[in-house]
Amino acid sequence: MKVMIVEDEGLIALELERIAQDAGHQTLGPVSTIEQALAYAQKSDVALVDLSLSDGFSGAQLARRLIDRYGVDVIFVTGSPENVGNGIEGALDIIPKPFTDDRIAGALSRAQALRRDFDGSNAVL
């Protein structure tokens, strides 16, 4: 699965990238602006999205576009889960910081299972 990392803090972005790759996923990014994220949107299956982006937009604003326009699944990874607000509709999960490897890998595994079910590749004949 192709996982886009949208995080404005470099060390956290690298940690999310490592966790996703260790779980067997291909990563795109990391990116820190809405423009950069939208450039990867068509190539992504799921996005790990922080609420704070370096260009002043919110991760919730980005999530709405990713979900509605591109069909990208969104998992919020944030230090302020109570501030997700509008944009939470359609998000698969909200993971508070600090996070664990298992929490991120588990959310990605659930996203992958949902994608398989939606695509019909788990269909029983």
PDB file of N, CA and C in Angstrom:
ATOM      1  N   MET A   1       0.847  -1.165   0.000  1.00  0.00           N
ATOM      2  CA  MET A   1       0.000   0.000   0.000  1.00  0.00           C
ATOM      3  C   MET A   1       0.898   1.235   0.000  1.00  0.00           C
ATOM      4  N   LYS A   2       0.450   2.271  -0.678  1.00  0.00           N
ATOM      5  CA  LYS A   2       1.221   3.516  -0.760  1.00  0.00           C
ATOM      6  C   LYS A   2       0.730   4.492   0.300  1.00  0.00           C
ATOM      7  N   VAL A   3       1.644   4.848   1.204  1.00  0.00           N
ATOM      8  CA  VAL A   3       1.320   5.671   2.363  1.00  0.00           C
ATOM      9  C   VAL A   3       2.005   7.028   2.222  1.00  0.00           C
ATOM     10  N   MET A   4       1.204   8.096   2.201  1.00  0.00           N
ATOM     11  CA  MET A   4       1.748   9.445   2.168  1.00  0.00           C
ATOM     12  C   MET A   4       1.894   9.939   3.606  1.00  0.00           C
ATOM     13  N   ILE A   5       3.051  10.509   3.909  1.00  0.00           N
ATOM     14  CA  ILE A   5       3.325  11.077   5.221  1.00  0.00           C
ATOM     15  C   ILE A   5       3.182  12.595   5.110  1.00  0.00           C
ATOM     16  N   VAL A   6       2.247  13.175   5.872  1.00  0.00           N
ATOM     17  CA  VAL A   6       2.027  14.620   5.867  1.00  0.00           C
ATOM     18  C   VAL A   6       2.267  15.110   7.288  1.00  0.00           C
ATOM     19  N   GLU A   7       3.452  15.654   7.515  1.00  0.00           N
ATOM     20  CA  GLU A   7       3.889  16.025   8.867  1.00  0.00           C
ATOM     21  C   GLU A   7       4.884  17.170   8.764  1.00  0.00           C
ATOM     22  N   ASP A   8       4.702  18.219   9.577  1.00  0.00           N
ATOM     23  CA  ASP A   8       5.584  19.381   9.502  1.00  0.00           C
ATOM     24  C   ASP A   8       6.810  19.272  10.405  1.00  0.00           C
ATOM     25  N   GLU A   9       6.874  18.282  11.263  1.00  0.00           N
ATOM     26  CA  GLU A   9       8.044  18.080  12.113  1.00  0.00           C
ATOM     27  C   GLU A   9       8.888  16.953  11.527  1.00  0.00           C
ATOM     28  N   GLY A  10      10.112  17.308  11.108  1.00  0.00           N
ATOM     29  CA  GLY A  10      10.975  16.381  10.388  1.00  0.00           C
ATOM     30  C   GLY A  10      11.236  15.057  11.071  1.00  0.00           C
ATOM     31  N   LEU A  11      11.581  15.079  12.357  1.00  0.00           N
ATOM     32  CA  LEU A  11      11.885  13.828  13.054  1.00  0.00           C
ATOM     33  C   LEU A  11      10.663  12.925  13.157  1.00  0.00           C
ATOM     34  N   ILE A  12       9.519  13.515  13.402  1.00  0.00           N
ATOM     35  CA  ILE A  12       8.285  12.714  13.477  1.00  0.00           C
ATOM     36  C   ILE A  12       7.959  12.135  12.101  1.00  0.00           C
ATOM     37  N   ALA A  13       8.148  12.930  11.053  1.00  0.00           N
ATOM     38  CA  ALA A  13       7.901  12.446   9.694  1.00  0.00           C
ATOM     39  C   ALA A  13       8.788  11.252   9.375  1.00  0.00           C
ATOM     40  N   LEU A  14      10.050  11.336   9.741  1.00  0.00           N
ATOM     41  CA  LEU A  14      10.970  10.223   9.488  1.00  0.00           C
ATOM     42  C   LEU A  14      10.579   8.984  10.288  1.00  0.00           C
ATOM     43  N   GLU A  15      10.105   9.175  11.510  1.00  0.00           N
ATOM     44  CA  GLU A  15       9.674   8.048  12.330  1.00  0.00           C
ATOM     45  C   GLU A  15       8.436   7.381  11.731  1.00  0.00           C
ATOM     46  N   LEU A  16       7.467   8.174  11.275  1.00  0.00           N
ATOM     47  CA  LEU A  16       6.282   7.614  10.623  1.00  0.00           C
ATOM     48  C   LEU A  16       6.667   6.864   9.351  1.00  0.00           C
ATOM     49  N   GLU A  17       7.589   7.427   8.602  1.00  0.00           N
ATOM     50  CA  GLU A  17       8.061   6.784   7.378  1.00  0.00           C
ATOM     51  C   GLU A  17       8.701   5.434   7.695  1.00  0.00           C
ATOM     52  N   ARG A  18       9.550   5.388   8.732  1.00  0.00           N
ATOM     53  CA  ARG A  18      10.211   4.142   9.126  1.00  0.00           C
ATOM     54  C   ARG A  18       9.176   3.093   9.533  1.00  0.00           C
ATOM     55  N   ILE A  19       8.199   3.490  10.336  1.00  0.00           N
ATOM     56  CA  ILE A  19       7.182   2.544  10.807  1.00  0.00           C
ATOM     57  C   ILE A  19       6.398   1.976   9.622  1.00  0.00           C
ATOM     58  N   ALA A  20       5.984   2.844   8.717  1.00  0.00           N
ATOM     59  CA  ALA A  20       5.223   2.384   7.551  1.00  0.00           C
ATOM     60  C   ALA A  20       6.051   1.429   6.691  1.00  0.00           C
ATOM     61  N   GLN A  21       7.301   1.763   6.475  1.00  0.00           N
ATOM     62  CA  GLN A  21       8.164   0.905   5.663  1.00  0.00           C
ATOM     63  C   GLN A  21       8.435  -0.419   6.367  1.00  0.00           C
ATOM     64  N   ASP A  22       8.667  -0.387   7.684  1.00  0.00           N
ATOM     65  CA  ASP A  22       8.874  -1.627   8.441  1.00  0.00           C
ATOM     66  C   ASP A  22       7.641  -2.531   8.379  1.00  0.00           C
ATOM     67  N   ALA A  23       6.462  -1.915   8.216  1.00  0.00           N
ATOM     68  CA  ALA A  23       5.221  -2.687   8.117  1.00  0.00           C
ATOM     69  C   ALA A  23       4.958  -3.166   6.681  1.00  0.00           C
ATOM     70  N   GLY A  24       5.898  -2.888   5.774  1.00  0.00           N
ATOM     71  CA  GLY A  24       5.801  -3.403   4.411  1.00  0.00           C
ATOM     72  C   GLY A  24       5.141  -2.481   3.404  1.00  0.00           C
ATOM     73  N   HIS A  25       4.990  -1.221   3.740  1.00  0.00           N
ATOM     74  CA  HIS A  25       4.336  -0.274   2.850  1.00  0.00           C
ATOM     75  C   HIS A  25       5.361   0.609   2.139  1.00  0.00           C
ATOM     76  N   GLN A  26       4.970   1.085   0.983  1.00  0.00           N
ATOM     77  CA  GLN A  26       5.759   2.075   0.242  1.00  0.00           C
ATOM     78  C   GLN A  26       5.348   3.442   0.766  1.00  0.00           C
ATOM     79  N   THR A  27       6.314   4.353   0.950  1.00  0.00           N
ATOM     80  CA  THR A  27       5.967   5.675   1.462  1.00  0.00           C
ATOM     81  C   THR A  27       6.189   6.749   0.397  1.00  0.00           C
ATOM     82  N   LEU A  28       5.346   7.775   0.476  1.00  0.00           N
ATOM     83  CA  LEU A  28       5.448   8.950  -0.385  1.00  0.00           C
ATOM     84  C   LEU A  28       5.629  10.144   0.540  1.00  0.00           C
ATOM     85  N   GLY A  29       6.541  11.022   0.193  1.00  0.00           N
ATOM     86  CA  GLY A  29       6.852  12.151   1.058  1.00  0.00           C
ATOM     87  C   GLY A  29       8.078  11.809   1.878  1.00  0.00           C
ATOM     88  N   PRO A  30       8.210  12.395   3.027  1.00  0.00           N
ATOM     89  CA  PRO A  30       7.227  13.194   3.728  1.00  0.00           C
ATOM     90  C   PRO A  30       7.047  14.582   3.110  1.00  0.00           C
ATOM     91  N   VAL A  31       5.841  15.111   3.291  1.00  0.00           N
ATOM     92  CA  VAL A  31       5.510  16.455   2.836  1.00  0.00           C
ATOM     93  C   VAL A  31       4.946  17.228   4.020  1.00  0.00           C
ATOM     94  N   SER A  32       4.946  18.578   3.888  1.00  0.00           N
ATOM     95  CA  SER A  32       4.486  19.383   5.019  1.00  0.00           C
ATOM     96  C   SER A  32       3.511  20.488   4.630  1.00  0.00           C
ATOM     97  N   THR A  33       3.134  20.540   3.348  1.00  0.00           N
ATOM     98  CA  THR A  33       2.173  21.555   2.905  1.00  0.00           C
ATOM     99  C   THR A  33       1.022  20.894   2.164  1.00  0.00           C
ATOM    100  N   ILE A  34      -0.090  21.617   2.083  1.00  0.00           N
ATOM    101  CA  ILE A  34      -1.252  21.088   1.373  1.00  0.00           C
ATOM    102  C   ILE A  34      -0.938  20.912  -0.110  1.00  0.00           C
ATOM    103  N   GLU A  35      -0.190  21.832  -0.688  1.00  0.00           N
ATOM    104  CA  GLU A  35       0.165  21.746  -2.112  1.00  0.00           C
ATOM    105  C   GLU A  35       1.003  20.497  -2.396  1.00  0.00           C
ATOM    106  N   GLN A  36       1.992  20.243  -1.555  1.00  0.00           N
ATOM    107  CA  GLN A  36       2.822  19.054  -1.732  1.00  0.00           C
ATOM    108  C   GLN A  36       1.989  17.786  -1.587  1.00  0.00           C
ATOM    109  N   ALA A  37       1.110  17.764  -0.595  1.00  0.00           N
ATOM    110  CA  ALA A  37       0.279  16.584  -0.364  1.00  0.00           C
ATOM    111  C   ALA A  37      -0.651  16.319  -1.544  1.00  0.00           C
ATOM    112  N   LEU A  38      -1.250  17.367  -2.078  1.00  0.00           N
ATOM    113  CA  LEU A  38      -2.157  17.181  -3.210  1.00  0.00           C
ATOM    114  C   LEU A  38      -1.412  16.698  -4.453  1.00  0.00           C
ATOM    115  N   ALA A  39      -0.130  17.027  -4.563  1.00  0.00           N
ATOM    116  CA  ALA A  39       0.673  16.547  -5.690  1.00  0.00           C
ATOM    117  C   ALA A  39       0.854  15.026  -5.630  1.00  0.00           C
ATOM    118  N   TYR A  40       0.849  14.448  -4.428  1.00  0.00           N
ATOM    119  CA  TYR A  40       0.990  13.000  -4.254  1.00  0.00           C
ATOM    120  C   TYR A  40      -0.354  12.274  -4.148  1.00  0.00           C
ATOM    121  N   ALA A  41      -1.439  13.013  -4.074  1.00  0.00           N
ATOM    122  CA  ALA A  41      -2.741  12.424  -3.751  1.00  0.00           C
ATOM    123  C   ALA A  41      -3.135  11.279  -4.678  1.00  0.00           C
ATOM    124  N   GLN A  42      -2.965  11.454  -5.979  1.00  0.00           N
ATOM    125  CA  GLN A  42      -3.399  10.416  -6.918  1.00  0.00           C
ATOM    126  C   GLN A  42      -2.547   9.161  -6.844  1.00  0.00           C
ATOM    127  N   LYS A  43      -1.380   9.259  -6.233  1.00  0.00           N
ATOM    128  CA  LYS A  43      -0.488   8.108  -6.113  1.00  0.00           C
ATOM    129  C   LYS A  43      -0.649   7.396  -4.770  1.00  0.00           C
ATOM    130  N   SER A  44      -1.467   7.948  -3.870  1.00  0.00           N
ATOM    131  CA  SER A  44      -1.556   7.461  -2.491  1.00  0.00           C
ATOM    132  C   SER A  44      -2.808   6.618  -2.263  1.00  0.00           C
ATOM    133  N   ASP A  45      -2.655   5.633  -1.379  1.00  0.00           N
ATOM    134  CA  ASP A  45      -3.794   4.855  -0.911  1.00  0.00           C
ATOM    135  C   ASP A  45      -4.298   5.392   0.427  1.00  0.00           C
ATOM    136  N   VAL A  46      -3.364   5.758   1.279  1.00  0.00           N
ATOM    137  CA  VAL A  46      -3.674   6.248   2.614  1.00  0.00           C
ATOM    138  C   VAL A  46      -2.684   7.351   2.972  1.00  0.00           C
ATOM    139  N   ALA A  47      -3.126   8.282   3.828  1.00  0.00           N
ATOM    140  CA  ALA A  47      -2.257   9.365   4.272  1.00  0.00           C
ATOM    141  C   ALA A  47      -2.264   9.433   5.791  1.00  0.00           C
ATOM    142  N   LEU A  48      -1.072   9.524   6.372  1.00  0.00           N
ATOM    143  CA  LEU A  48      -0.920   9.816   7.791  1.00  0.00           C
ATOM    144  C   LEU A  48      -0.785  11.326   7.875  1.00  0.00           C
ATOM    145  N   VAL A  49      -1.764  12.005   8.475  1.00  0.00           N
ATOM    146  CA  VAL A  49      -1.875  13.456   8.390  1.00  0.00           C
ATOM    147  C   VAL A  49      -1.849  14.095   9.773  1.00  0.00           C
ATOM    148  N   ASP A  50      -0.934  15.050   9.956  1.00  0.00           N
ATOM    149  CA  ASP A  50      -0.899  15.876  11.159  1.00  0.00           C
ATOM    150  C   ASP A  50      -1.896  17.019  10.991  1.00  0.00           C
ATOM    151  N   LEU A  51      -2.354  17.589  12.089  1.00  0.00           N
ATOM    152  CA  LEU A  51      -3.270  18.726  12.002  1.00  0.00           C
ATOM    153  C   LEU A  51      -2.565  20.011  11.588  1.00  0.00           C
ATOM    154  N   SER A  52      -1.295  20.146  11.951  1.00  0.00           N
ATOM    155  CA  SER A  52      -0.557  21.370  11.643  1.00  0.00           C
ATOM    156  C   SER A  52       0.293  21.173  10.393  1.00  0.00           C
ATOM    157  N   LEU A  53       0.042  22.003   9.388  1.00  0.00           N
ATOM    158  CA  LEU A  53       0.852  21.967   8.180  1.00  0.00           C
ATOM    159  C   LEU A  53       1.703  23.231   8.143  1.00  0.00           C
ATOM    160  N   SER A  54       2.855  23.166   7.505  1.00  0.00           N
ATOM    161  CA  SER A  54       3.791  24.283   7.542  1.00  0.00           C
ATOM    162  C   SER A  54       3.325  25.498   6.741  1.00  0.00           C
ATOM    163  N   ASP A  55       2.289  25.362   5.931  1.00  0.00           N
ATOM    164  CA  ASP A  55       1.811  26.488   5.130  1.00  0.00           C
ATOM    165  C   ASP A  55       0.601  27.190   5.745  1.00  0.00           C
ATOM    166  N   GLY A  56       0.242  26.824   6.975  1.00  0.00           N
ATOM    167  CA  GLY A  56      -0.875  27.473   7.648  1.00  0.00           C
ATOM    168  C   GLY A  56      -2.212  26.790   7.461  1.00  0.00           C
ATOM    169  N   PHE A  57      -2.315  25.857   6.536  1.00  0.00           N
ATOM    170  CA  PHE A  57      -3.548  25.090   6.380  1.00  0.00           C
ATOM    171  C   PHE A  57      -3.611  24.043   7.484  1.00  0.00           C
ATOM    172  N   SER A  58      -4.803  23.517   7.712  1.00  0.00           N
ATOM    173  CA  SER A  58      -4.939  22.459   8.710  1.00  0.00           C
ATOM    174  C   SER A  58      -5.006  21.101   8.016  1.00  0.00           C
ATOM    175  N   GLY A  59      -4.611  20.086   8.755  1.00  0.00           N
ATOM    176  CA  GLY A  59      -4.720  18.733   8.237  1.00  0.00           C
ATOM    177  C   GLY A  59      -6.155  18.342   7.967  1.00  0.00           C
ATOM    178  N   ALA A  60      -7.106  18.921   8.714  1.00  0.00           N
ATOM    179  CA  ALA A  60      -8.521  18.627   8.480  1.00  0.00           C
ATOM    180  C   ALA A  60      -8.960  19.156   7.121  1.00  0.00           C
ATOM    181  N   GLN A  61      -8.467  20.348   6.730  1.00  0.00           N
ATOM    182  CA  GLN A  61      -8.782  20.888   5.403  1.00  0.00           C
ATOM    183  C   GLN A  61      -8.226  19.974   4.315  1.00  0.00           C
ATOM    184  N   LEU A  62      -7.013  19.510   4.520  1.00  0.00           N
ATOM    185  CA  LEU A  62      -6.397  18.597   3.566  1.00  0.00           C
ATOM    186  C   LEU A  62      -7.176  17.285   3.506  1.00  0.00           C
ATOM    187  N   ALA A  63      -7.553  16.764   4.656  1.00  0.00           N
ATOM    188  CA  ALA A  63      -8.259  15.477   4.704  1.00  0.00           C
ATOM    189  C   ALA A  63      -9.528  15.503   3.875  1.00  0.00           C
ATOM    190  N   ARG A  64     -10.292  16.569   3.983  1.00  0.00           N
ATOM    191  CA  ARG A  64     -11.533  16.683   3.203  1.00  0.00           C
ATOM    192  C   ARG A  64     -11.232  16.526   1.720  1.00  0.00           C
ATOM    193  N   ARG A  65     -10.194  17.158   1.245  1.00  0.00           N
ATOM    194  CA  ARG A  65      -9.842  17.079  -0.188  1.00  0.00           C
ATOM    195  C   ARG A  65      -9.354  15.679  -0.551  1.00  0.00           C
ATOM    196  N   LEU A  66      -8.513  15.102   0.294  1.00  0.00           N
ATOM    197  CA  LEU A  66      -7.989  13.764   0.001  1.00  0.00           C
ATOM    198  C   LEU A  66      -9.107  12.733  -0.074  1.00  0.00           C
ATOM    199  N   ILE A  67     -10.027  12.802   0.869  1.00  0.00           N
ATOM    200  CA  ILE A  67     -11.119  11.832   0.928  1.00  0.00           C
ATOM    201  C   ILE A  67     -12.106  12.060  -0.213  1.00  0.00           C
ATOM    202  N   ASP A  68     -12.571  13.297  -0.348  1.00  0.00           N
ATOM    203  CA  ASP A  68     -13.649  13.595  -1.307  1.00  0.00           C
ATOM    204  C   ASP A  68     -13.192  13.571  -2.763  1.00  0.00           C
ATOM    205  N   ARG A  69     -12.043  14.129  -3.052  1.00  0.00           N
ATOM    206  CA  ARG A  69     -11.607  14.263  -4.447  1.00  0.00           C
ATOM    207  C   ARG A  69     -10.778  13.089  -4.952  1.00  0.00           C
ATOM    208  N   TYR A  70     -10.008  12.472  -4.051  1.00  0.00           N
ATOM    209  CA  TYR A  70      -9.034  11.473  -4.507  1.00  0.00           C
ATOM    210  C   TYR A  70      -9.268  10.074  -3.951  1.00  0.00           C
ATOM    211  N   GLY A  71     -10.195   9.910  -3.026  1.00  0.00           N
ATOM    212  CA  GLY A  71     -10.449   8.595  -2.446  1.00  0.00           C
ATOM    213  C   GLY A  71      -9.317   8.063  -1.600  1.00  0.00           C
ATOM    214  N   VAL A  72      -8.508   8.971  -1.051  1.00  0.00           N
ATOM    215  CA  VAL A  72      -7.388   8.573  -0.193  1.00  0.00           C
ATOM    216  C   VAL A  72      -7.916   8.416   1.231  1.00  0.00           C
ATOM    217  N   ASP A  73      -7.599   7.306   1.856  1.00  0.00           N
ATOM    218  CA  ASP A  73      -7.959   7.101   3.252  1.00  0.00           C
ATOM    219  C   ASP A  73      -7.054   7.972   4.124  1.00  0.00           C
ATOM    220  N   VAL A  74      -7.609   8.509   5.198  1.00  0.00           N
ATOM    221  CA  VAL A  74      -6.866   9.413   6.068  1.00  0.00           C
ATOM    222  C   VAL A  74      -6.834   8.869   7.488  1.00  0.00           C
ATOM    223  N   ILE A  75      -5.636   8.885   8.054  1.00  0.00           N
ATOM    224  CA  ILE A  75      -5.426   8.580   9.467  1.00  0.00           C
ATOM    225  C   ILE A  75      -4.746   9.810  10.059  1.00  0.00           C
ATOM    226  N   PHE A  76      -5.424  10.472  11.010  1.00  0.00           N
ATOM    227  CA  PHE A  76      -4.823  11.632  11.657  1.00  0.00           C
ATOM    228  C   PHE A  76      -3.823  11.163  12.705  1.00  0.00           C
ATOM    229  N   VAL A  77      -2.652  11.812  12.742  1.00  0.00           N
ATOM    230  CA  VAL A  77      -1.643  11.587  13.768  1.00  0.00           C
ATOM    231  C   VAL A  77      -1.338  12.973  14.326  1.00  0.00           C
ATOM    232  N   THR A  78      -1.804  13.235  15.548  1.00  0.00           N
ATOM    233  CA  THR A  78      -1.764  14.609  16.047  1.00  0.00           C
ATOM    234  C   THR A  78      -1.566  14.690  17.550  1.00  0.00           C
ATOM    235  N   GLY A  79      -0.950  15.770  17.968  1.00  0.00           N
ATOM    236  CA  GLY A  79      -0.811  16.067  19.387  1.00  0.00           C
ATOM    237  C   GLY A  79      -2.061  16.692  19.961  1.00  0.00           C
ATOM    238  N   SER A  80      -3.006  17.061  19.099  1.00  0.00           N
ATOM    239  CA  SER A  80      -4.251  17.707  19.529  1.00  0.00           C
ATOM    240  C   SER A  80      -5.459  16.999  18.925  1.00  0.00           C
ATOM    241  N   PRO A  81      -5.704  15.749  19.311  1.00  0.00           N
ATOM    242  CA  PRO A  81      -6.814  15.007  18.689  1.00  0.00           C
ATOM    243  C   PRO A  81      -8.168  15.675  18.902  1.00  0.00           C
ATOM    244  N   GLU A  82      -8.299  16.448  19.960  1.00  0.00           N
ATOM    245  CA  GLU A  82      -9.574  17.130  20.224  1.00  0.00           C
ATOM    246  C   GLU A  82      -9.839  18.255  19.237  1.00  0.00           C
ATOM    247  N   ASN A  83      -8.821  18.668  18.484  1.00  0.00           N
ATOM    248  CA  ASN A  83      -8.967  19.765  17.524  1.00  0.00           C
ATOM    249  C   ASN A  83      -9.187  19.306  16.089  1.00  0.00           C
ATOM    250  N   VAL A  84      -9.401  18.017  15.875  1.00  0.00           N
ATOM    251  CA  VAL A  84      -9.606  17.529  14.512  1.00  0.00           C
ATOM    252  C   VAL A  84     -10.834  18.197  13.904  1.00  0.00           C
ATOM    253  N   GLY A  85     -11.933  18.283  14.654  1.00  0.00           N
ATOM    254  CA  GLY A  85     -13.124  19.021  14.213  1.00  0.00           C
ATOM    255  C   GLY A  85     -13.641  18.575  12.868  1.00  0.00           C
ATOM    256  N   ASN A  86     -14.031  19.533  12.037  1.00  0.00           N
ATOM    257  CA  ASN A  86     -14.517  19.213  10.690  1.00  0.00           C
ATOM    258  C   ASN A  86     -13.384  18.565   9.913  1.00  0.00           C
ATOM    259  N   GLY A  87     -13.692  17.521   9.232  1.00  0.00           N
ATOM    260  CA  GLY A  87     -12.676  16.765   8.512  1.00  0.00           C
ATOM    261  C   GLY A  87     -12.566  15.365   9.053  1.00  0.00           C
ATOM    262  N   ILE A  88     -13.078  15.172  10.267  1.00  0.00           N
ATOM    263  CA  ILE A  88     -13.013  13.847  10.860  1.00  0.00           C
ATOM    264  C   ILE A  88     -13.934  12.870  10.135  1.00  0.00           C
ATOM    265  N   GLU A  89     -15.017  13.370   9.535  1.00  0.00           N
ATOM    266  CA  GLU A  89     -15.923  12.491   8.822  1.00  0.00           C
ATOM    267  C   GLU A  89     -15.169  11.786   7.707  1.00  0.00           C
ATOM    268  N   GLY A  90     -15.197  10.498   7.737  1.00  0.00           N
ATOM    269  CA  GLY A  90     -14.521   9.736   6.706  1.00  0.00           C
ATOM    270  C   GLY A  90     -13.101   9.337   7.061  1.00  0.00           C
ATOM    271  N   ALA A  91     -12.530   9.932   8.106  1.00  0.00           N
ATOM    272  CA  ALA A  91     -11.182   9.531   8.534  1.00  0.00           C
ATOM    273  C   ALA A  91     -11.257   8.147   9.169  1.00  0.00           C
ATOM    274  N   LEU A  92     -10.240   7.344   8.933  1.00  0.00           N
ATOM    275  CA  LEU A  92     -10.241   5.987   9.467  1.00  0.00           C
ATOM    276  C   LEU A  92      -9.880   5.924  10.937  1.00  0.00           C
ATOM    277  N   ASP A  93      -9.049   6.870  11.399  1.00  0.00           N
ATOM    278  CA  ASP A  93      -8.567   6.798  12.778  1.00  0.00           C
ATOM    279  C   ASP A  93      -7.966   8.142  13.167  1.00  0.00           C
ATOM    280  N   ILE A  94      -7.879   8.359  14.470  1.00  0.00           N
ATOM    281  CA  ILE A  94      -7.164   9.498  15.032  1.00  0.00           C
ATOM    282  C   ILE A  94      -6.192   8.932  16.053  1.00  0.00           C
ATOM    283  N   ILE A  95      -4.903   9.113  15.800  1.00  0.00           N
ATOM    284  CA  ILE A  95      -3.880   8.582  16.682  1.00  0.00           C
ATOM    285  C   ILE A  95      -3.204   9.760  17.386  1.00  0.00           C
ATOM    286  N   PRO A  96      -3.295   9.797  18.725  1.00  0.00           N
ATOM    287  CA  PRO A  96      -2.658  10.898  19.448  1.00  0.00           C
ATOM    288  C   PRO A  96      -1.144  10.711  19.543  1.00  0.00           C
ATOM    289  N   LYS A  97      -0.430  11.843  19.530  1.00  0.00           N
ATOM    290  CA  LYS A  97       1.008  11.830  19.806  1.00  0.00           C
ATOM    291  C   LYS A  97       1.172  11.955  21.315  1.00  0.00           C
ATOM    292  N   PRO A  98       2.134  11.297  21.904  1.00  0.00           N
ATOM    293  CA  PRO A  98       3.083  10.394  21.269  1.00  0.00           C
ATOM    294  C   PRO A  98       2.411   9.077  20.888  1.00  0.00           C
ATOM    295  N   PHE A  99       2.874   8.494  19.795  1.00  0.00           N
ATOM    296  CA  PHE A  99       2.304   7.258  19.280  1.00  0.00           C
ATOM    297  C   PHE A  99       3.318   6.133  19.426  1.00  0.00           C
ATOM    298  N   THR A 100       2.835   4.914  19.254  1.00  0.00           N
ATOM    299  CA  THR A 100       3.721   3.750  19.264  1.00  0.00           C
ATOM    300  C   THR A 100       3.790   3.164  17.860  1.00  0.00           C
ATOM    301  N   ASP A 101       4.835   2.412  17.601  1.00  0.00           N
ATOM    302  CA  ASP A 101       4.959   1.718  16.322  1.00  0.00           C
ATOM    303  C   ASP A 101       3.733   0.844  16.082  1.00  0.00           C
ATOM    304  N   ASP A 102       3.320   0.104  17.125  1.00  0.00           N
ATOM    305  CA  ASP A 102       2.191  -0.817  16.984  1.00  0.00           C
ATOM    306  C   ASP A 102       0.902  -0.083  16.637  1.00  0.00           C
ATOM    307  N   ARG A 103       0.696   1.084  17.202  1.00  0.00           N
ATOM    308  CA  ARG A 103      -0.539   1.843  16.933  1.00  0.00           C
ATOM    309  C   ARG A 103      -0.596   2.294  15.483  1.00  0.00           C
ATOM    310  N   ILE A 104       0.539   2.780  14.955  1.00  0.00           N
ATOM    311  CA  ILE A 104       0.587   3.223  13.556  1.00  0.00           C
ATOM    312  C   ILE A 104       0.472   2.019  12.627  1.00  0.00           C
ATOM    313  N   ALA A 105       1.262   0.975  12.886  1.00  0.00           N
ATOM    314  CA  ALA A 105       1.235  -0.219  12.031  1.00  0.00           C
ATOM    315  C   ALA A 105      -0.148  -0.860  12.045  1.00  0.00           C
ATOM    316  N   GLY A 106      -0.806  -0.880  13.196  1.00  0.00           N
ATOM    317  CA  GLY A 106      -2.147  -1.453  13.291  1.00  0.00           C
ATOM    318  C   GLY A 106      -3.168  -0.664  12.486  1.00  0.00           C
ATOM    319  N   ALA A 107      -3.081   0.662  12.549  1.00  0.00           N
ATOM    320  CA  ALA A 107      -4.003   1.501  11.774  1.00  0.00           C
ATOM    321  C   ALA A 107      -3.783   1.299  10.278  1.00  0.00           C
ATOM    322  N   LEU A 108      -2.526   1.170   9.868  1.00  0.00           N
ATOM    323  CA  LEU A 108      -2.235   0.931   8.448  1.00  0.00           C
ATOM    324  C   LEU A 108      -2.734  -0.441   8.012  1.00  0.00           C
ATOM    325  N   SER A 109      -2.598  -1.417   8.876  1.00  0.00           N
ATOM    326  CA  SER A 109      -3.087  -2.766   8.568  1.00  0.00           C
ATOM    327  C   SER A 109      -4.612  -2.766   8.401  1.00  0.00           C
ATOM    328  N   ARG A 110      -5.320  -2.054   9.275  1.00  0.00           N
ATOM    329  CA  ARG A 110      -6.776  -1.955   9.156  1.00  0.00           C
ATOM    330  C   ARG A 110      -7.158  -1.234   7.862  1.00  0.00           C
ATOM    331  N   ALA A 111      -6.422  -0.180   7.520  1.00  0.00           N
ATOM    332  CA  ALA A 111      -6.703   0.554   6.277  1.00  0.00           C
ATOM    333  C   ALA A 111      -6.510  -0.358   5.072  1.00  0.00           C
ATOM    334  N   GLN A 112      -5.464  -1.163   5.104  1.00  0.00           N
ATOM    335  CA  GLN A 112      -5.211  -2.076   3.994  1.00  0.00           C
ATOM    336  C   GLN A 112      -6.313  -3.123   3.886  1.00  0.00           C
ATOM    337  N   ALA A 113      -6.768  -3.636   5.002  1.00  0.00           N
ATOM    338  CA  ALA A 113      -7.850  -4.630   4.989  1.00  0.00           C
ATOM    339  C   ALA A 113      -9.139  -4.015   4.451  1.00  0.00           C
ATOM    340  N   LEU A 114      -9.437  -2.791   4.850  1.00  0.00           N
ATOM    341  CA  LEU A 114     -10.637  -2.116   4.350  1.00  0.00           C
ATOM    342  C   LEU A 114     -10.551  -1.881   2.846  1.00  0.00           C
ATOM    343  N   ARG A 115      -9.379  -1.529   2.365  1.00  0.00           N
ATOM    344  CA  ARG A 115      -9.190  -1.307   0.918  1.00  0.00           C
ATOM    345  C   ARG A 115      -9.403  -2.611   0.159  1.00  0.00           C
ATOM    346  N   ARG A 116      -8.867  -3.715   0.683  1.00  0.00           N
ATOM    347  CA  ARG A 116      -9.048  -5.019   0.023  1.00  0.00           C
ATOM    348  C   ARG A 116     -10.522  -5.380  -0.015  1.00  0.00           C
ATOM    349  N   ASP A 117     -11.216  -5.176   1.109  1.00  0.00           N
ATOM    350  CA  ASP A 117     -12.646  -5.496   1.163  1.00  0.00           C
ATOM    351  C   ASP A 117     -13.417  -4.633   0.177  1.00  0.00           C
ATOM    352  N   PHE A 118     -13.099  -3.355   0.116  1.00  0.00           N
ATOM    353  CA  PHE A 118     -13.786  -2.421  -0.785  1.00  0.00           C
ATOM    354  C   PHE A 118     -13.515  -2.761  -2.244  1.00  0.00           C
ATOM    355  N   ASP A 119     -12.285  -3.155  -2.547  1.00  0.00           N
ATOM    356  CA  ASP A 119     -11.920  -3.484  -3.926  1.00  0.00           C
ATOM    357  C   ASP A 119     -12.448  -4.846  -4.351  1.00  0.00           C
ATOM    358  N   GLY A 120     -12.911  -5.624  -3.378  1.00  0.00           N
ATOM    359  CA  GLY A 120     -13.468  -6.936  -3.703  1.00  0.00           C
ATOM    360  C   GLY A 120     -12.439  -8.038  -3.808  1.00  0.00           C
ATOM    361  N   SER A 121     -11.191  -7.761  -3.472  1.00  0.00           N
ATOM    362  CA  SER A 121     -10.182  -8.796  -3.612  1.00  0.00           C
ATOM    363  C   SER A 121     -10.245  -9.824  -2.479  1.00  0.00           C
ATOM    364  N   ASN A 122     -11.072  -9.598  -1.463  1.00  0.00           N
ATOM    365  CA  ASN A 122     -11.305 -10.596  -0.426  1.00  0.00           C
ATOM    366  C   ASN A 122     -12.608 -11.344  -0.645  1.00  0.00           C
ATOM    367  N   ALA A 123     -13.191 -11.142  -1.793  1.00  0.00           N
ATOM    368  CA  ALA A 123     -14.494 -11.762  -2.080  1.00  0.00           C
ATOM    369  C   ALA A 123     -14.360 -13.285  -2.111  1.00  0.00           C
ATOM    370  N   VAL A 124     -15.353 -13.953  -1.552  1.00  0.00           N
ATOM    371  CA  VAL A 124     -15.400 -15.401  -1.561  1.00  0.00           C
ATOM    372  C   VAL A 124     -16.281 -15.835  -2.729  1.00  0.00           C
ATOM    373  N   LEU A 125     -15.768 -16.741  -3.546  1.00  0.00           N
ATOM    374  CA  LEU A 125     -16.544 -17.216  -4.707  1.00  0.00           C
ATOM    375  C   LEU A 125     -17.276 -18.487  -4.378  1.00  0.00           C
TER     376      LEU A 125
END
